[in-house]
């Protein structure tokens, strides 16, 4: 892995987004359908937040209510909007930053993803810990 390699060389550009006013059920379905762990939240094309599967788990009761867990979780998911759970004003990275820059942010802030934005805060990509792992095992189809 070359730490001088640029973010634009490894970022994912096929972005999957939701709006802050979308309900959490829609976001949950987007996660499941696309087999992803992070969704960019946009409003008027600009990045306003990021939602992770972990964020959804934070509003889950887990096994607290036994057999009624799914019912409780569904009720909560139906009550909340993406804006209620997302991370507002996420840390971002620029397309011309290096992989080393991104890794430094991810390690120090304990993030697993960074939105890549242009000068107008419009998302153009996302880079995740999975992208860095793929650099270590380049011939593996993930």
N, C-alpha and C. Protein backbone atom coordinates (compact mmCIF):
# COMPACT_ATOMS: atom_id res chain seq x y z
N UNK A 1 0.85 -1.18 0.00
CA UNK A 1 0.00 0.00 0.00
C UNK A 1 0.89 1.23 0.00
N UNK A 2 0.65 2.13 -0.89
CA UNK A 2 1.42 3.36 -0.97
C UNK A 2 0.68 4.46 -0.25
N UNK A 3 1.29 4.97 0.82
CA UNK A 3 0.61 5.99 1.60
C UNK A 3 0.49 7.31 0.84
N UNK A 4 1.26 7.49 -0.22
CA UNK A 4 1.17 8.70 -1.02
C UNK A 4 0.05 8.63 -2.07
N UNK A 5 -0.54 7.46 -2.22
CA UNK A 5 -1.65 7.29 -3.16
C UNK A 5 -2.78 8.24 -2.76
N UNK A 6 -3.52 8.70 -3.75
CA UNK A 6 -4.56 9.69 -3.49
C UNK A 6 -5.91 9.04 -3.20
N UNK A 7 -6.72 9.75 -2.45
CA UNK A 7 -8.06 9.29 -2.11
C UNK A 7 -8.87 9.00 -3.37
N UNK A 8 -8.72 9.82 -4.39
CA UNK A 8 -9.48 9.63 -5.63
C UNK A 8 -9.20 8.27 -6.27
N UNK A 9 -8.06 7.67 -5.94
CA UNK A 9 -7.70 6.37 -6.51
C UNK A 9 -8.39 5.19 -5.83
N UNK A 10 -8.91 5.39 -4.64
CA UNK A 10 -9.52 4.27 -3.92
C UNK A 10 -10.96 4.50 -3.49
N UNK A 11 -11.45 5.72 -3.57
CA UNK A 11 -12.79 6.02 -3.05
C UNK A 11 -13.88 5.36 -3.89
N UNK A 12 -14.99 5.14 -3.25
CA UNK A 12 -16.18 4.64 -3.93
C UNK A 12 -16.93 5.85 -4.46
N UNK A 13 -17.28 5.82 -5.74
CA UNK A 13 -17.96 6.98 -6.33
C UNK A 13 -19.44 6.72 -6.60
N UNK A 14 -19.86 5.48 -6.52
CA UNK A 14 -21.28 5.17 -6.69
C UNK A 14 -21.95 5.36 -5.33
N UNK A 15 -22.41 6.57 -5.10
CA UNK A 15 -22.92 6.94 -3.78
C UNK A 15 -24.38 6.55 -3.59
N UNK A 16 -24.65 6.09 -2.40
CA UNK A 16 -26.01 5.77 -2.00
C UNK A 16 -26.35 6.75 -0.89
N UNK A 17 -27.40 7.51 -1.09
CA UNK A 17 -27.72 8.58 -0.15
C UNK A 17 -29.17 8.50 0.32
N UNK A 18 -29.41 9.16 1.43
CA UNK A 18 -30.76 9.38 1.92
C UNK A 18 -30.87 10.85 2.29
N UNK A 19 -32.10 11.27 2.53
CA UNK A 19 -32.34 12.65 2.96
C UNK A 19 -32.58 12.67 4.46
N UNK A 20 -32.32 13.80 5.12
CA UNK A 20 -32.52 13.86 6.57
C UNK A 20 -33.97 13.63 6.98
N UNK A 21 -34.90 13.91 6.08
CA UNK A 21 -36.33 13.75 6.39
C UNK A 21 -36.83 12.34 6.14
N UNK A 22 -36.00 11.47 5.57
CA UNK A 22 -36.41 10.08 5.36
C UNK A 22 -36.57 9.39 6.70
N UNK A 23 -37.47 8.42 6.76
CA UNK A 23 -37.63 7.68 8.01
C UNK A 23 -36.54 6.61 8.11
N UNK A 24 -36.32 6.16 9.33
CA UNK A 24 -35.26 5.18 9.56
C UNK A 24 -35.54 3.85 8.89
N UNK A 25 -36.79 3.53 8.68
CA UNK A 25 -37.13 2.27 8.00
C UNK A 25 -36.56 2.28 6.58
N UNK A 26 -36.66 3.42 5.91
CA UNK A 26 -36.08 3.51 4.57
C UNK A 26 -34.57 3.32 4.62
N UNK A 27 -33.92 3.97 5.58
CA UNK A 27 -32.47 3.82 5.71
C UNK A 27 -32.10 2.37 6.01
N UNK A 28 -32.86 1.73 6.87
CA UNK A 28 -32.62 0.33 7.22
C UNK A 28 -32.69 -0.54 5.96
N UNK A 29 -33.67 -0.28 5.11
CA UNK A 29 -33.82 -1.04 3.87
C UNK A 29 -32.67 -0.77 2.91
N UNK A 30 -32.19 0.47 2.87
CA UNK A 30 -31.06 0.83 2.02
C UNK A 30 -29.81 0.07 2.46
N UNK A 31 -29.58 0.01 3.77
CA UNK A 31 -28.44 -0.76 4.29
C UNK A 31 -28.52 -2.21 3.86
N UNK A 32 -29.70 -2.81 4.06
CA UNK A 32 -29.87 -4.24 3.76
C UNK A 32 -29.77 -4.52 2.26
N UNK A 33 -30.41 -3.71 1.45
CA UNK A 33 -30.43 -3.94 0.00
C UNK A 33 -29.02 -3.82 -0.61
N UNK A 34 -28.27 -2.83 -0.15
CA UNK A 34 -26.97 -2.55 -0.75
C UNK A 34 -25.78 -3.16 -0.02
N UNK A 35 -26.05 -3.81 1.11
CA UNK A 35 -24.99 -4.45 1.89
C UNK A 35 -23.85 -3.48 2.19
N UNK A 36 -24.23 -2.32 2.74
CA UNK A 36 -23.27 -1.29 3.11
C UNK A 36 -23.42 -0.97 4.59
N UNK A 37 -22.44 -0.22 5.12
CA UNK A 37 -22.48 0.13 6.54
C UNK A 37 -22.55 1.63 6.79
N UNK A 38 -22.47 2.44 5.72
CA UNK A 38 -22.51 3.90 5.87
C UNK A 38 -23.32 4.50 4.73
N UNK A 39 -24.17 5.44 5.07
CA UNK A 39 -24.97 6.14 4.06
C UNK A 39 -24.76 7.64 4.24
N UNK A 40 -24.48 8.32 3.14
CA UNK A 40 -24.37 9.77 3.20
C UNK A 40 -25.76 10.38 3.22
N UNK A 41 -25.91 11.43 4.01
CA UNK A 41 -27.19 12.13 4.14
C UNK A 41 -27.03 13.48 3.44
N UNK A 42 -27.86 13.71 2.42
CA UNK A 42 -27.76 14.93 1.63
C UNK A 42 -29.07 15.71 1.64
N UNK A 43 -28.94 17.00 1.54
CA UNK A 43 -30.08 17.90 1.42
C UNK A 43 -29.69 18.94 0.37
N UNK A 44 -30.50 19.06 -0.66
CA UNK A 44 -30.17 19.97 -1.78
C UNK A 44 -28.78 19.67 -2.33
N UNK A 45 -28.47 18.40 -2.48
CA UNK A 45 -27.21 17.89 -3.03
C UNK A 45 -26.01 18.06 -2.10
N UNK A 46 -26.15 18.78 -0.99
CA UNK A 46 -25.03 19.02 -0.09
C UNK A 46 -25.04 18.02 1.06
N UNK A 47 -23.86 17.65 1.49
CA UNK A 47 -23.71 16.72 2.60
C UNK A 47 -24.11 17.40 3.90
N UNK A 48 -25.03 16.78 4.63
CA UNK A 48 -25.44 17.31 5.93
C UNK A 48 -25.20 16.33 7.06
N UNK A 49 -24.90 15.07 6.71
CA UNK A 49 -24.67 14.08 7.76
C UNK A 49 -24.24 12.75 7.19
N UNK A 50 -24.01 11.82 8.10
CA UNK A 50 -23.70 10.45 7.73
C UNK A 50 -24.40 9.54 8.72
N UNK A 51 -24.92 8.45 8.21
CA UNK A 51 -25.63 7.48 9.03
C UNK A 51 -24.94 6.14 8.88
N UNK A 52 -24.66 5.50 10.01
CA UNK A 52 -24.04 4.18 9.96
C UNK A 52 -24.99 3.14 10.53
N UNK A 53 -24.71 1.90 10.24
CA UNK A 53 -25.51 0.83 10.84
C UNK A 53 -25.39 0.88 12.35
N UNK A 54 -24.25 1.28 12.83
CA UNK A 54 -24.05 1.40 14.27
C UNK A 54 -25.00 2.45 14.86
N UNK A 55 -25.23 3.53 14.13
CA UNK A 55 -26.17 4.55 14.60
C UNK A 55 -27.57 3.96 14.78
N UNK A 56 -27.96 3.08 13.85
CA UNK A 56 -29.26 2.42 13.97
C UNK A 56 -29.30 1.50 15.18
N UNK A 57 -28.20 0.82 15.45
CA UNK A 57 -28.14 -0.07 16.60
C UNK A 57 -28.27 0.70 17.92
N UNK A 58 -27.82 1.95 17.93
CA UNK A 58 -27.92 2.76 19.14
C UNK A 58 -29.37 3.01 19.56
N UNK A 59 -30.29 2.97 18.61
CA UNK A 59 -31.70 3.20 18.95
C UNK A 59 -32.47 1.90 19.13
N UNK A 60 -31.77 0.80 19.09
CA UNK A 60 -32.39 -0.51 19.29
C UNK A 60 -32.35 -0.89 20.76
N UNK A 61 -33.36 -1.61 21.20
CA UNK A 61 -33.39 -2.09 22.56
C UNK A 61 -32.66 -3.41 22.71
N UNK A 62 -32.17 -3.95 21.61
CA UNK A 62 -31.46 -5.23 21.68
C UNK A 62 -32.35 -6.31 22.26
N UNK A 63 -31.85 -7.02 23.22
CA UNK A 63 -32.62 -8.11 23.84
C UNK A 63 -33.32 -7.68 25.13
N UNK A 64 -33.46 -6.40 25.35
CA UNK A 64 -34.04 -5.89 26.59
C UNK A 64 -35.45 -6.40 26.83
N UNK A 65 -36.24 -6.50 25.79
CA UNK A 65 -37.64 -6.87 25.96
C UNK A 65 -37.97 -8.27 25.46
N UNK A 66 -36.96 -9.12 25.32
CA UNK A 66 -37.19 -10.50 24.94
C UNK A 66 -37.90 -10.63 23.60
N UNK A 67 -39.02 -11.35 23.60
CA UNK A 67 -39.76 -11.62 22.37
C UNK A 67 -40.35 -10.36 21.75
N UNK A 68 -40.54 -9.33 22.54
CA UNK A 68 -41.13 -8.09 22.03
C UNK A 68 -40.08 -7.15 21.44
N UNK A 69 -38.83 -7.59 21.39
CA UNK A 69 -37.76 -6.73 20.91
C UNK A 69 -38.03 -6.19 19.51
N UNK A 70 -38.39 -7.06 18.58
CA UNK A 70 -38.62 -6.64 17.20
C UNK A 70 -39.75 -5.62 17.14
N UNK A 71 -40.79 -5.83 17.91
CA UNK A 71 -41.92 -4.90 17.93
C UNK A 71 -41.48 -3.54 18.46
N UNK A 72 -40.70 -3.54 19.53
CA UNK A 72 -40.20 -2.28 20.11
C UNK A 72 -39.28 -1.57 19.13
N UNK A 73 -38.37 -2.32 18.54
CA UNK A 73 -37.44 -1.73 17.58
C UNK A 73 -38.18 -1.14 16.39
N UNK A 74 -39.16 -1.86 15.86
CA UNK A 74 -39.95 -1.36 14.73
C UNK A 74 -40.68 -0.08 15.11
N UNK A 75 -41.23 -0.01 16.30
CA UNK A 75 -41.94 1.19 16.75
C UNK A 75 -40.99 2.38 16.79
N UNK A 76 -39.78 2.17 17.29
CA UNK A 76 -38.80 3.26 17.36
C UNK A 76 -38.37 3.69 15.96
N UNK A 77 -38.06 2.71 15.12
CA UNK A 77 -37.63 3.01 13.76
C UNK A 77 -38.71 3.81 13.02
N UNK A 78 -39.97 3.49 13.26
CA UNK A 78 -41.06 4.19 12.59
C UNK A 78 -41.30 5.59 13.16
N UNK A 79 -40.84 5.86 14.35
CA UNK A 79 -41.03 7.17 14.98
C UNK A 79 -39.97 8.18 14.57
N UNK A 80 -38.78 7.70 14.26
CA UNK A 80 -37.64 8.59 14.06
C UNK A 80 -37.32 8.82 12.59
N UNK A 81 -36.73 9.95 12.33
CA UNK A 81 -36.23 10.30 11.01
C UNK A 81 -34.71 10.16 10.99
N UNK A 82 -34.13 10.13 9.83
CA UNK A 82 -32.68 10.02 9.68
C UNK A 82 -31.98 11.13 10.46
N UNK A 83 -32.51 12.35 10.39
CA UNK A 83 -31.88 13.49 11.08
C UNK A 83 -31.79 13.30 12.59
N UNK A 84 -32.68 12.49 13.16
CA UNK A 84 -32.67 12.25 14.60
C UNK A 84 -31.52 11.36 15.05
N UNK A 85 -30.94 10.60 14.14
CA UNK A 85 -29.96 9.59 14.50
C UNK A 85 -28.60 9.83 13.82
N UNK A 86 -28.59 10.52 12.69
CA UNK A 86 -27.35 10.69 11.91
C UNK A 86 -26.33 11.52 12.67
N UNK A 87 -25.09 11.41 12.20
CA UNK A 87 -24.02 12.27 12.69
C UNK A 87 -24.06 13.54 11.86
N UNK A 88 -24.34 14.66 12.51
CA UNK A 88 -24.41 15.95 11.82
C UNK A 88 -23.01 16.50 11.57
N UNK A 89 -22.85 17.26 10.51
CA UNK A 89 -21.59 17.90 10.15
C UNK A 89 -20.41 16.93 10.22
N UNK A 90 -20.45 15.88 9.41
CA UNK A 90 -19.37 14.89 9.48
C UNK A 90 -18.03 15.46 9.01
N UNK A 91 -16.98 14.89 9.54
CA UNK A 91 -15.64 15.21 9.08
C UNK A 91 -15.53 14.68 7.66
N UNK A 92 -14.94 15.46 6.78
CA UNK A 92 -14.82 15.07 5.37
C UNK A 92 -13.37 15.13 4.93
N UNK A 93 -13.16 14.66 3.72
CA UNK A 93 -11.83 14.69 3.13
C UNK A 93 -11.97 15.14 1.68
N UNK A 94 -10.89 15.66 1.14
CA UNK A 94 -10.87 16.17 -0.23
C UNK A 94 -10.33 15.11 -1.18
N UNK A 95 -10.76 15.17 -2.41
CA UNK A 95 -10.36 14.20 -3.44
C UNK A 95 -8.84 14.16 -3.65
N UNK A 96 -8.16 15.28 -3.38
CA UNK A 96 -6.72 15.35 -3.59
C UNK A 96 -5.89 15.05 -2.35
N UNK A 97 -6.56 14.66 -1.26
CA UNK A 97 -5.83 14.26 -0.06
C UNK A 97 -5.25 12.87 -0.27
N UNK A 98 -4.26 12.55 0.52
CA UNK A 98 -3.61 11.25 0.38
C UNK A 98 -4.28 10.21 1.29
N UNK A 99 -3.97 8.97 1.01
CA UNK A 99 -4.45 7.88 1.85
C UNK A 99 -3.94 8.07 3.27
N UNK A 100 -2.72 8.51 3.39
CA UNK A 100 -2.16 8.74 4.73
C UNK A 100 -2.99 9.77 5.49
N UNK A 101 -3.43 10.83 4.81
CA UNK A 101 -4.28 11.84 5.45
C UNK A 101 -5.56 11.20 5.99
N UNK A 102 -6.18 10.36 5.17
CA UNK A 102 -7.44 9.72 5.56
C UNK A 102 -7.23 8.76 6.72
N UNK A 103 -6.18 7.96 6.66
CA UNK A 103 -5.90 7.00 7.73
C UNK A 103 -5.65 7.73 9.04
N UNK A 104 -4.93 8.83 8.97
CA UNK A 104 -4.67 9.63 10.18
C UNK A 104 -5.99 10.08 10.82
N UNK A 105 -6.92 10.56 10.01
CA UNK A 105 -8.23 11.00 10.53
C UNK A 105 -8.99 9.81 11.10
N UNK A 106 -9.06 8.72 10.37
CA UNK A 106 -9.81 7.56 10.82
C UNK A 106 -9.26 7.01 12.14
N UNK A 107 -7.96 6.93 12.25
CA UNK A 107 -7.35 6.41 13.47
C UNK A 107 -7.54 7.35 14.66
N UNK A 108 -7.33 8.63 14.44
CA UNK A 108 -7.42 9.59 15.53
C UNK A 108 -8.85 9.89 15.97
N UNK A 109 -9.78 9.84 15.05
CA UNK A 109 -11.18 10.15 15.38
C UNK A 109 -12.01 8.89 15.61
N UNK A 110 -11.40 7.72 15.35
CA UNK A 110 -12.07 6.43 15.51
C UNK A 110 -13.31 6.30 14.62
N UNK A 111 -13.17 6.78 13.40
CA UNK A 111 -14.21 6.65 12.39
C UNK A 111 -13.93 5.42 11.56
N UNK A 112 -14.95 5.02 10.78
CA UNK A 112 -14.78 3.92 9.83
C UNK A 112 -15.05 4.37 8.41
N UNK A 113 -15.42 5.64 8.24
CA UNK A 113 -15.66 6.15 6.89
C UNK A 113 -15.48 7.66 6.87
N UNK A 114 -15.14 8.14 5.69
CA UNK A 114 -15.00 9.58 5.46
C UNK A 114 -15.66 9.94 4.14
N UNK A 115 -16.62 10.85 4.17
CA UNK A 115 -17.17 11.35 2.92
C UNK A 115 -16.11 12.18 2.19
N UNK A 116 -16.09 12.06 0.89
CA UNK A 116 -15.21 12.88 0.05
C UNK A 116 -16.10 13.93 -0.61
N UNK A 117 -15.78 15.20 -0.40
CA UNK A 117 -16.63 16.28 -0.91
C UNK A 117 -15.83 17.23 -1.79
N UNK A 118 -16.56 17.94 -2.65
CA UNK A 118 -15.91 18.99 -3.45
C UNK A 118 -15.91 20.29 -2.65
N UNK A 119 -15.50 21.37 -3.27
CA UNK A 119 -15.40 22.66 -2.58
C UNK A 119 -16.76 23.24 -2.18
N UNK A 120 -17.84 22.70 -2.72
CA UNK A 120 -19.19 23.17 -2.38
C UNK A 120 -19.90 22.24 -1.39
N UNK A 121 -19.15 21.33 -0.78
CA UNK A 121 -19.68 20.35 0.17
C UNK A 121 -20.66 19.38 -0.47
N UNK A 122 -20.47 19.14 -1.76
CA UNK A 122 -21.27 18.15 -2.47
C UNK A 122 -20.47 16.84 -2.48
N UNK A 123 -21.09 15.76 -1.98
CA UNK A 123 -20.35 14.50 -1.92
C UNK A 123 -20.04 13.95 -3.31
N UNK A 124 -18.79 13.50 -3.47
CA UNK A 124 -18.36 12.91 -4.74
C UNK A 124 -17.81 11.51 -4.52
N UNK A 125 -17.73 11.11 -3.26
CA UNK A 125 -17.23 9.77 -2.95
C UNK A 125 -17.28 9.50 -1.47
N UNK A 126 -16.87 8.30 -1.13
CA UNK A 126 -16.72 7.90 0.27
C UNK A 126 -15.56 6.93 0.33
N UNK A 127 -14.80 7.01 1.40
CA UNK A 127 -13.70 6.08 1.62
C UNK A 127 -13.93 5.45 2.99
N UNK A 128 -13.77 4.13 3.05
CA UNK A 128 -14.03 3.40 4.29
C UNK A 128 -12.84 2.52 4.65
N UNK A 129 -12.88 1.99 5.84
CA UNK A 129 -11.83 1.07 6.25
C UNK A 129 -11.75 -0.12 5.30
N UNK A 130 -12.87 -0.52 4.73
CA UNK A 130 -12.87 -1.62 3.76
C UNK A 130 -12.02 -1.28 2.54
N UNK A 131 -12.06 -0.04 2.10
CA UNK A 131 -11.24 0.38 0.95
C UNK A 131 -9.75 0.21 1.25
N UNK A 132 -9.36 0.50 2.49
CA UNK A 132 -7.95 0.35 2.85
C UNK A 132 -7.57 -1.12 2.96
N UNK A 133 -8.47 -1.93 3.45
CA UNK A 133 -8.20 -3.38 3.53
C UNK A 133 -8.06 -3.98 2.14
N UNK A 134 -8.85 -3.49 1.19
CA UNK A 134 -8.74 -3.98 -0.19
C UNK A 134 -7.36 -3.67 -0.78
N UNK A 135 -6.74 -2.60 -0.33
CA UNK A 135 -5.39 -2.28 -0.81
C UNK A 135 -4.38 -3.32 -0.34
N UNK A 136 -4.63 -3.88 0.84
CA UNK A 136 -3.73 -4.88 1.37
C UNK A 136 -3.86 -6.23 0.69
N UNK A 137 -5.08 -6.51 0.18
CA UNK A 137 -5.34 -7.77 -0.51
C UNK A 137 -5.97 -7.42 -1.87
N UNK A 138 -5.16 -6.94 -2.80
CA UNK A 138 -5.69 -6.38 -4.05
C UNK A 138 -6.38 -7.37 -4.99
N UNK A 139 -6.05 -8.62 -4.90
CA UNK A 139 -6.64 -9.59 -5.84
C UNK A 139 -7.84 -10.32 -5.28
N UNK A 140 -8.37 -9.84 -4.20
CA UNK A 140 -9.55 -10.50 -3.58
C UNK A 140 -10.81 -9.78 -4.04
N UNK A 141 -11.77 -10.52 -4.51
CA UNK A 141 -13.04 -9.93 -4.95
C UNK A 141 -13.98 -9.77 -3.75
N UNK A 142 -14.15 -8.54 -3.35
CA UNK A 142 -15.05 -8.25 -2.23
C UNK A 142 -16.22 -7.43 -2.73
